[in-house]
Amino acid sequence: MILKVIVCLTLSLFLLGEKAYSSELRFGFTGPLTGPNASMGIEAIRGINLGFKRINESEQLNYHLSLAPLDDGYEPSRTPSQVTTLINDYGVKAMLGSVGTPTNLASLSILSKYEIPLISPLSGAQSLRTEKSSPFIFNTRASYTEEAYYLVNILINDLGIKPNEIAIFAQKDSYGDAGLASILKALTDAGLKDSTSILQIRHKRNSSEVSHSVADVLGIFPIPKAIMMVSTYHTSANFIKQLDTFGVSPIFTAFSFTGLEALQAQLRNTKAKVLISQTTPSLDNAKSPIIKQLKEDMAHFGDLALPTTMQLEGYINALIVGKALLPIKSIPTSKEIEDSLTKLAMDNYDTQEQNELQVLNSNKKHIWVQLITNGVSQELPYADKQ
C-alpha cells in the first residue's frame, strides 16, 4: 500500500513537471560564469531573468519564458559542446544574449545545423552582423565600428590628440581583431597615414599577464597620449594599474563590452582616466523610462544588488523578445521566433519610443560615453552619434 502511494506521488510529480515544461519556452545562454570575466556572464543573466520575470508576471503570453545558462568560461573551445547540450538536453528554441565574439562564432555551425536563432549576442563584431542564410542572427547593440568612431572622434576632435599619438591594446582573438580593425579604420579616416607607425599590442584572452604589454608601452618614446583598449575588465584593469605604478597614465578608452562597473571597481586607487563607450543609457539618467522601469522591477522582484550596464542590456534584450512573441498564442518554433523578431524590427525601424524598442531604430544608433576617474564614473554630455 505504501509503495503504491509512493508510485502515485512520483507519477503525479512527473506529470506536473511535464506540464510545467510543456508550457515553458526555453532560451539558451553561454558565457563566462566562472573565471576572471565571470561578472560579464553573471550580469547578463541577471538582466535577462529580470526581464523574463516581468513578462511572466504580466501573463500576456500563454506560456512562460525561461533561460538555461551554461558556463563556457569565455573559451570558444568549450562553447560548441555547451550549445549542443542546451539544444539536445534542455530543449532551447533560441540562444539569447550569449557573451563574446570568439565564443559566439564558435557556435554558429551548431546553430546552423539545428536551425536555432542567435538573438542579441553580446558582441559588436562585424563577423556576427554579416547576413547569413543560416543561422539567423538578430543584433540589437551598436557595432564596434560605431563605438570606435565615436571614441576616436572624442580623442581627436575634443581632446586634441593626434592619430599618431594613439596606441592600441587588443585581445589576441576575433574580438581583438574586430576592435583593432575598427579602430584603425577610424584613425585612418581621421588622418593616420600609416597604421604600422602606431603601437599595437596584443594579449592573450582570459589572462592577467600583462607585463610584456606594459614593457612595450614603456619601451617607446614618446609615451602614447592615449591607449585604446579592446579587452575585458580584468585584463584592462591589470594593464592600467601596472602602468600606473610607473607613473604612466595616458587617456585610456574601452568598448562597452569591457564592462563599466566591473572596470571602475578595480581602478579606485589609480590616477587613470578611462573613456568607455556604452550602448545603453546611463543608469543615473532619471529621465530615461527604461532605467526607471529597470529599477522598479529590481525592487519589485527583490533584486537588491546595484544595477549594472550589462544587466540593463540583458533586461532590454529579454523585453524585446517578449514584445516579439506577443502575437504568438502557443509555444513557438525556432522559425516562428525568427519571423516574429524580423517583423518587430521592421515595424519599429524608425520608432521614437523611449522604451526597450528604441534600440531597433535603424536610423539612429545611440552611443553614450562614461568617464572613469579614480574609480568613479560619470556620463559625458556628448550627443548621440548618427
Protein backbone atom coordinates (compact mmCIF):
# COMPACT_ATOMS: atom_id res chain seq x y z
CA MET A 1 0.00 0.00 0.00
CA ILE A 2 2.80 2.41 0.96
CA LEU A 3 4.69 1.51 -2.23
CA LYS A 4 1.54 2.18 -4.26
CA VAL A 5 1.20 5.66 -2.70
CA ILE A 6 4.85 6.45 -3.41
CA VAL A 7 4.47 5.35 -7.03
CA CYS A 8 1.35 7.53 -7.41
CA LEU A 9 3.07 10.53 -5.87
CA THR A 10 6.12 10.06 -8.08
CA LEU A 11 3.94 9.79 -11.18
CA SER A 12 2.00 12.91 -10.16
CA LEU A 13 5.19 14.89 -9.69
CA PHE A 14 6.47 13.69 -13.06
CA LEU A 15 3.23 14.73 -14.77
CA LEU A 16 3.33 18.12 -13.05
CA GLY A 17 6.89 18.52 -14.23
CA GLU A 18 5.90 17.66 -17.78
CA LYS A 19 3.07 20.16 -17.64
CA ALA A 20 5.46 22.89 -16.44
CA TYR A 21 7.94 22.01 -19.16
CA SER A 22 5.31 21.91 -21.92
CA SER A 23 4.15 25.43 -21.02
CA GLU A 24 7.65 26.84 -20.96
CA LEU A 25 9.69 28.36 -23.77
CA ARG A 26 13.38 27.93 -23.03
CA PHE A 27 16.19 30.11 -24.31
CA GLY A 28 19.83 29.12 -24.06
CA PHE A 29 22.80 31.20 -22.94
CA THR A 30 26.56 30.66 -22.93
CA GLY A 31 29.13 32.92 -21.32
CA PRO A 32 31.70 33.16 -18.54
CA LEU A 33 30.11 32.30 -15.18
CA THR A 34 33.43 31.45 -13.56
CA GLY A 35 36.96 32.70 -14.08
CA PRO A 36 38.39 36.21 -14.48
CA ASN A 37 35.49 37.50 -16.60
CA ALA A 38 32.62 35.85 -14.72
CA SER A 39 30.94 39.19 -13.98
CA MET A 40 30.06 39.61 -17.66
CA GLY A 41 28.02 36.43 -17.85
CA ILE A 42 26.50 36.75 -14.40
CA GLU A 43 25.23 40.29 -15.04
CA ALA A 44 23.87 39.45 -18.50
CA ILE A 45 21.90 36.52 -17.00
CA ARG A 46 20.70 38.71 -14.15
CA GLY A 47 19.19 41.16 -16.62
CA ILE A 48 17.57 38.53 -18.84
CA ASN A 49 16.00 36.77 -15.87
CA LEU A 50 14.63 40.06 -14.54
CA GLY A 51 13.05 40.80 -17.91
CA PHE A 52 11.55 37.31 -18.08
CA LYS A 53 10.09 37.72 -14.57
CA ARG A 54 8.34 40.90 -15.70
CA ILE A 55 6.98 39.19 -18.83
CA ASN A 56 5.84 36.06 -16.98
CA GLU A 57 4.10 38.04 -14.24
CA SER A 58 2.17 40.05 -16.84
CA GLU A 59 0.63 36.80 -18.18
CA GLN A 60 0.44 38.33 -21.65
CA LEU A 61 1.83 35.11 -23.09
CA ASN A 62 0.16 31.72 -22.77
CA TYR A 63 3.47 30.21 -21.69
CA HIS A 64 6.38 31.18 -19.50
CA LEU A 65 9.85 32.19 -20.65
CA SER A 66 12.94 30.76 -19.01
CA LEU A 67 16.70 30.88 -19.50
CA ALA A 68 19.07 27.92 -19.38
CA PRO A 69 22.63 29.28 -18.89
CA LEU A 70 25.82 27.25 -19.25
CA ASP A 71 29.36 28.32 -18.44
CA ASP A 72 31.87 28.32 -21.31
CA GLY A 73 34.47 30.31 -19.38
CA TYR A 74 34.75 32.70 -22.36
CA GLU A 75 36.71 29.99 -24.17
CA PRO A 76 35.50 29.14 -27.71
CA SER A 77 36.77 25.58 -27.42
CA ARG A 78 34.05 24.94 -24.82
CA THR A 79 31.12 26.71 -26.48
CA PRO A 80 30.03 24.21 -29.19
CA SER A 81 29.53 21.36 -26.72
CA GLN A 82 27.62 23.66 -24.37
CA VAL A 83 25.32 24.82 -27.16
CA THR A 84 24.76 21.22 -28.27
CA THR A 85 23.79 20.31 -24.70
CA LEU A 86 21.38 23.24 -24.50
CA ILE A 87 19.67 22.16 -27.71
CA ASN A 88 19.54 18.41 -27.13
CA ASP A 89 19.18 18.18 -23.34
CA TYR A 90 17.46 21.44 -22.39
CA GLY A 91 15.27 21.83 -25.48
CA VAL A 92 16.08 25.50 -26.08
CA LYS A 93 14.45 27.10 -29.13
CA ALA A 94 16.89 30.02 -29.40
CA MET A 95 20.07 31.44 -27.88
CA LEU A 96 19.73 34.81 -26.14
CA GLY A 97 22.40 37.29 -25.01
CA SER A 98 25.36 34.90 -25.18
CA VAL A 99 28.67 36.60 -24.37
CA GLY A 100 31.62 37.15 -26.67
CA THR A 101 32.80 37.27 -30.26
CA PRO A 102 35.06 34.17 -30.40
CA THR A 103 32.60 32.09 -28.39
CA ASN A 104 29.54 33.03 -30.44
CA LEU A 105 31.45 32.48 -33.68
CA ALA A 106 32.39 29.01 -32.45
CA SER A 107 28.71 28.16 -32.01
CA LEU A 108 27.49 29.12 -35.49
CA SER A 109 27.92 25.73 -37.17
CA ILE A 110 25.95 24.03 -34.38
CA LEU A 111 23.20 26.64 -34.50
CA SER A 112 23.03 26.32 -38.28
CA LYS A 113 22.79 22.52 -38.07
CA TYR A 114 19.80 22.68 -35.70
CA GLU A 115 18.34 25.90 -37.18
CA ILE A 116 18.50 27.69 -33.84
CA PRO A 117 18.49 31.53 -33.91
CA LEU A 118 21.14 33.59 -32.16
CA ILE A 119 19.45 36.59 -30.55
CA SER A 120 21.26 39.67 -29.27
CA PRO A 121 24.78 38.24 -28.90
CA LEU A 122 26.84 40.39 -26.55
CA SER A 123 29.29 41.41 -29.27
CA GLY A 124 29.69 44.27 -31.71
CA ALA A 125 31.83 42.38 -34.22
CA GLN A 126 31.06 42.69 -37.91
CA SER A 127 31.57 38.93 -38.29
CA LEU A 128 28.32 38.43 -36.35
CA ARG A 129 26.49 41.03 -38.43
CA THR A 130 27.11 39.76 -41.93
CA GLU A 131 23.83 38.48 -43.36
CA LYS A 132 23.71 34.70 -43.46
CA SER A 133 21.00 32.34 -44.60
CA SER A 134 21.76 30.26 -41.52
CA PRO A 135 21.89 30.63 -38.62
CA PHE A 136 19.57 33.57 -38.07
CA ILE A 137 21.35 36.31 -36.09
CA PHE A 138 19.37 39.18 -34.57
CA ASN A 139 21.51 42.08 -33.34
CA THR A 140 20.31 44.82 -31.00
CA ARG A 141 23.52 46.57 -29.91
CA ALA A 142 25.74 49.08 -31.72
CA SER A 143 28.77 47.72 -33.58
CA TYR A 144 32.41 48.04 -32.58
CA THR A 145 32.84 50.14 -35.73
CA GLU A 146 30.36 52.69 -34.37
CA GLU A 147 31.94 52.64 -30.91
CA ALA A 148 35.44 53.07 -32.38
CA TYR A 149 34.44 56.08 -34.49
CA TYR A 150 32.77 57.66 -31.50
CA LEU A 151 35.80 57.26 -29.23
CA VAL A 152 38.31 58.33 -31.89
CA ASN A 153 36.21 61.42 -32.57
CA ILE A 154 36.37 62.39 -28.89
CA LEU A 155 40.13 61.81 -28.62
CA ILE A 156 40.97 63.79 -31.74
CA ASN A 157 38.32 66.49 -32.03
CA ASP A 158 37.52 67.10 -28.37
CA LEU A 159 40.79 66.31 -26.61
CA GLY A 160 43.17 67.40 -29.36
CA ILE A 161 45.15 64.15 -29.53
CA LYS A 162 46.67 63.34 -32.93
CA PRO A 163 46.05 59.95 -34.60
CA ASN A 164 49.76 59.02 -34.42
CA GLU A 165 49.78 59.71 -30.65
CA ILE A 166 47.38 56.83 -30.01
CA ALA A 167 48.30 53.20 -29.24
CA ILE A 168 46.08 50.08 -29.26
CA PHE A 169 45.92 47.28 -26.68
CA ALA A 170 43.83 44.40 -28.06
CA GLN A 171 42.92 40.85 -27.15
CA LYS A 172 44.54 38.25 -29.43
CA ASP A 173 41.42 36.64 -30.91
CA SER A 174 38.45 37.52 -33.12
CA TYR A 175 37.19 40.11 -30.60
CA GLY A 176 40.55 41.84 -30.64
CA ASP A 177 40.74 41.54 -34.43
CA ALA A 178 37.31 43.17 -34.82
CA GLY A 179 38.09 46.00 -32.42
CA LEU A 180 41.56 46.60 -33.83
CA ALA A 181 40.25 46.79 -37.40
CA SER A 182 37.50 49.20 -36.36
CA ILE A 183 39.92 51.49 -34.52
CA LEU A 184 42.48 51.50 -37.34
CA LYS A 185 39.75 52.36 -39.86
CA ALA A 186 38.54 55.21 -37.67
CA LEU A 187 42.10 56.52 -37.16
CA THR A 188 42.84 56.27 -40.89
CA ASP A 189 39.71 58.25 -41.70
CA ALA A 190 40.85 60.81 -39.10
CA GLY A 191 44.19 61.29 -40.86
CA LEU A 192 46.52 58.46 -39.80
CA LYS A 193 48.89 57.92 -42.73
CA ASP A 194 50.46 54.59 -41.78
CA SER A 195 48.78 52.16 -39.39
CA THR A 196 52.11 50.40 -38.74
CA SER A 197 53.52 53.62 -37.29
CA ILE A 198 51.49 53.33 -34.06
CA LEU A 199 52.00 50.84 -31.25
CA GLN A 200 49.72 47.80 -31.49
CA ILE A 201 49.87 45.36 -28.56
CA ARG A 202 48.10 42.00 -28.44
CA HIS A 203 47.41 39.96 -25.32
CA LYS A 204 46.05 36.51 -24.53
CA ARG A 205 42.35 36.10 -23.72
CA ASN A 206 41.43 35.34 -20.07
CA SER A 207 44.94 36.17 -18.92
CA SER A 208 46.00 38.65 -16.26
CA GLU A 209 49.62 38.55 -17.50
CA VAL A 210 50.28 41.98 -18.99
CA SER A 211 53.91 42.65 -18.02
CA HIS A 212 55.10 42.29 -21.62
CA SER A 213 52.39 44.68 -22.80
CA VAL A 214 53.41 47.21 -20.14
CA ALA A 215 57.05 46.85 -21.22
CA ASP A 216 56.02 47.56 -24.82
CA VAL A 217 54.46 50.87 -23.74
CA LEU A 218 57.41 51.85 -21.55
CA GLY A 219 59.84 50.97 -24.33
CA ILE A 220 58.74 53.63 -26.81
CA PHE A 221 59.25 57.37 -26.84
CA PRO A 222 57.25 59.43 -26.55
CA ILE A 223 54.70 57.55 -24.46
CA PRO A 224 51.32 57.48 -26.29
CA LYS A 225 48.90 60.17 -25.18
CA ALA A 226 46.02 57.71 -25.46
CA ILE A 227 45.70 53.93 -25.43
CA MET A 228 42.57 52.39 -26.93
CA MET A 229 41.78 49.04 -25.32
CA VAL A 230 39.91 46.12 -26.89
CA SER A 231 39.81 43.82 -23.90
CA THR A 232 37.81 42.73 -20.86
CA TYR A 233 37.61 44.40 -17.46
CA HIS A 234 40.05 42.12 -15.63
CA THR A 235 42.90 42.38 -18.12
CA SER A 236 42.27 46.08 -18.80
CA ALA A 237 42.42 46.89 -15.10
CA ASN A 238 45.69 44.98 -14.63
CA PHE A 239 47.21 46.77 -17.62
CA ILE A 240 46.15 50.20 -16.35
CA LYS A 241 47.27 49.54 -12.76
CA GLN A 242 50.70 48.27 -13.78
CA LEU A 243 51.29 51.32 -15.98
CA ASP A 244 50.11 53.50 -13.10
CA THR A 245 52.85 52.10 -10.83
CA PHE A 246 55.38 53.51 -13.30
CA GLY A 247 53.67 56.89 -13.27
CA VAL A 248 52.28 56.37 -16.79
CA SER A 249 48.64 57.41 -17.08
CA PRO A 250 47.61 58.36 -20.59
CA ILE A 251 43.94 58.65 -21.53
CA PHE A 252 42.52 55.14 -21.93
CA THR A 253 39.46 54.17 -23.91
CA ALA A 254 37.42 50.96 -23.76
CA PHE A 255 34.48 49.46 -25.60
CA SER A 256 31.18 48.76 -23.84
CA PHE A 257 31.99 45.02 -23.84
CA THR A 258 34.75 45.70 -21.29
CA GLY A 259 32.17 46.19 -18.54
CA LEU A 260 31.78 49.63 -16.96
CA GLU A 261 31.08 48.80 -13.33
CA ALA A 262 33.50 45.87 -13.13
CA LEU A 263 36.29 48.01 -14.56
CA GLN A 264 35.68 51.06 -12.39
CA ALA A 265 35.59 48.90 -9.25
CA GLN A 266 39.20 47.89 -9.89
CA LEU A 267 40.51 51.39 -10.63
CA ARG A 268 39.67 53.20 -7.39
CA ASN A 269 43.29 53.73 -6.32
CA THR A 270 44.76 54.81 -9.64
CA LYS A 271 45.17 58.09 -11.50
CA ALA A 272 43.65 56.52 -14.59
CA LYS A 273 41.13 58.30 -16.76
CA VAL A 274 39.13 55.94 -18.96
CA LEU A 275 36.60 56.86 -21.62
CA ILE A 276 34.26 53.90 -22.08
CA SER A 277 31.59 53.84 -24.76
CA GLN A 278 28.17 52.49 -23.84
CA THR A 279 25.29 51.13 -25.92
CA THR A 280 22.66 51.74 -23.24
CA PRO A 281 21.65 54.90 -21.36
CA SER A 282 23.37 55.85 -18.12
CA LEU A 283 21.93 54.13 -15.06
CA ASP A 284 21.93 57.55 -13.39
CA ASN A 285 19.62 59.00 -16.06
CA ALA A 286 16.49 59.71 -14.02
CA LYS A 287 14.62 60.85 -17.16
CA SER A 288 15.03 57.55 -19.01
CA PRO A 289 11.83 55.45 -18.86
CA ILE A 290 13.72 52.18 -19.34
CA ILE A 291 16.08 52.97 -16.44
CA LYS A 292 13.14 53.85 -14.21
CA GLN A 293 11.38 50.61 -15.18
CA LEU A 294 14.54 48.53 -14.57
CA LYS A 295 14.94 49.87 -11.04
CA GLU A 296 11.23 49.42 -10.27
CA ASP A 297 11.38 45.80 -11.42
CA MET A 298 14.52 45.19 -9.37
CA ALA A 299 12.72 46.43 -6.27
CA HIS A 300 9.55 44.50 -7.12
CA PHE A 301 11.32 41.18 -7.67
CA GLY A 302 13.77 41.55 -4.80
CA ASP A 303 17.00 42.19 -6.72
CA LEU A 304 18.90 44.11 -4.06
CA ALA A 305 22.27 44.39 -5.81
CA LEU A 306 23.30 47.57 -7.60
CA PRO A 307 22.21 47.77 -11.25
CA THR A 308 24.85 47.37 -13.97
CA THR A 309 25.02 48.23 -17.65
CA MET A 310 25.38 44.58 -18.70
CA GLN A 311 22.36 43.72 -16.58
CA LEU A 312 20.45 46.52 -18.33
CA GLU A 313 21.43 45.19 -21.76
CA GLY A 314 20.23 41.70 -20.85
CA TYR A 315 16.99 43.16 -19.47
CA ILE A 316 16.31 45.12 -22.67
CA ASN A 317 17.01 42.07 -24.83
CA ALA A 318 14.60 39.95 -22.79
CA LEU A 319 11.84 42.57 -23.13
CA ILE A 320 12.37 42.77 -26.90
CA VAL A 321 11.89 39.02 -27.15
CA GLY A 322 8.73 39.33 -25.06
CA LYS A 323 7.32 42.02 -27.38
CA ALA A 324 8.08 39.91 -30.45
CA LEU A 325 6.27 36.89 -29.01
CA LEU A 326 3.03 38.71 -28.11
CA PRO A 327 1.16 37.74 -31.32
CA ILE A 328 2.06 34.04 -30.91
CA LYS A 329 -0.55 32.20 -28.86
CA SER A 330 1.17 28.85 -28.36
CA ILE A 331 4.81 27.95 -27.78
CA PRO A 332 6.59 28.99 -30.99
CA THR A 333 9.03 27.07 -33.10
CA SER A 334 12.51 28.46 -33.69
CA LYS A 335 11.37 29.67 -37.12
CA GLU A 336 8.38 31.45 -35.62
CA ILE A 337 10.72 33.21 -33.16
CA GLU A 338 12.85 34.37 -36.09
CA ASP A 339 9.84 35.62 -38.04
CA SER A 340 8.39 37.46 -35.04
CA LEU A 341 11.69 39.26 -34.35
CA THR A 342 12.06 40.20 -38.02
CA LYS A 343 8.55 41.68 -38.04
CA LEU A 344 9.14 43.56 -34.78
CA ALA A 345 12.32 45.10 -36.21
CA MET A 346 10.56 46.13 -39.43
CA ASP A 347 7.65 47.66 -37.53
CA ASN A 348 9.97 49.68 -35.27
CA TYR A 349 12.86 50.65 -37.55
CA ASP A 350 12.07 54.34 -37.03
CA THR A 351 10.36 54.19 -33.63
CA GLN A 352 10.63 57.19 -31.35
CA GLU A 353 9.64 55.16 -28.30
CA GLN A 354 11.89 55.61 -25.25
CA ASN A 355 11.45 52.03 -24.09
CA GLU A 356 13.28 48.83 -24.99
CA LEU A 357 12.26 49.19 -28.64
CA GLN A 358 14.45 52.27 -29.17
CA VAL A 359 17.43 50.02 -29.95
CA LEU A 360 15.57 48.81 -33.07
CA ASN A 361 15.60 52.30 -34.63
CA SER A 362 17.99 51.69 -37.54
CA ASN A 363 18.16 55.41 -38.35
CA LYS A 364 19.68 56.38 -35.03
CA LYS A 365 22.20 54.29 -33.15
CA HIS A 366 22.59 55.53 -29.60
CA ILE A 367 26.06 55.56 -28.10
CA TRP A 368 26.85 57.14 -24.77
CA VAL A 369 30.22 57.66 -23.11
CA GLN A 370 31.27 57.45 -19.48
CA LEU A 371 34.46 58.84 -17.95
CA ILE A 372 36.02 56.80 -15.14
CA THR A 373 38.25 58.86 -12.83
CA ASN A 374 39.60 57.47 -9.55
CA GLY A 375 37.19 54.58 -9.85
CA VAL A 376 34.14 56.83 -10.18
CA SER A 377 32.18 57.12 -13.44
CA GLN A 378 30.14 59.95 -14.85
CA GLU A 379 28.33 60.37 -18.14
CA LEU A 380 29.84 62.91 -20.52
CA PRO A 381 27.47 65.23 -22.39
CA TYR A 382 28.27 64.11 -25.93
CA ALA A 383 25.28 63.93 -28.26
CA ASP A 384 24.22 60.66 -29.85
CA LYS A 385 26.25 59.89 -32.97
CA GLN A 386 24.03 59.44 -36.02
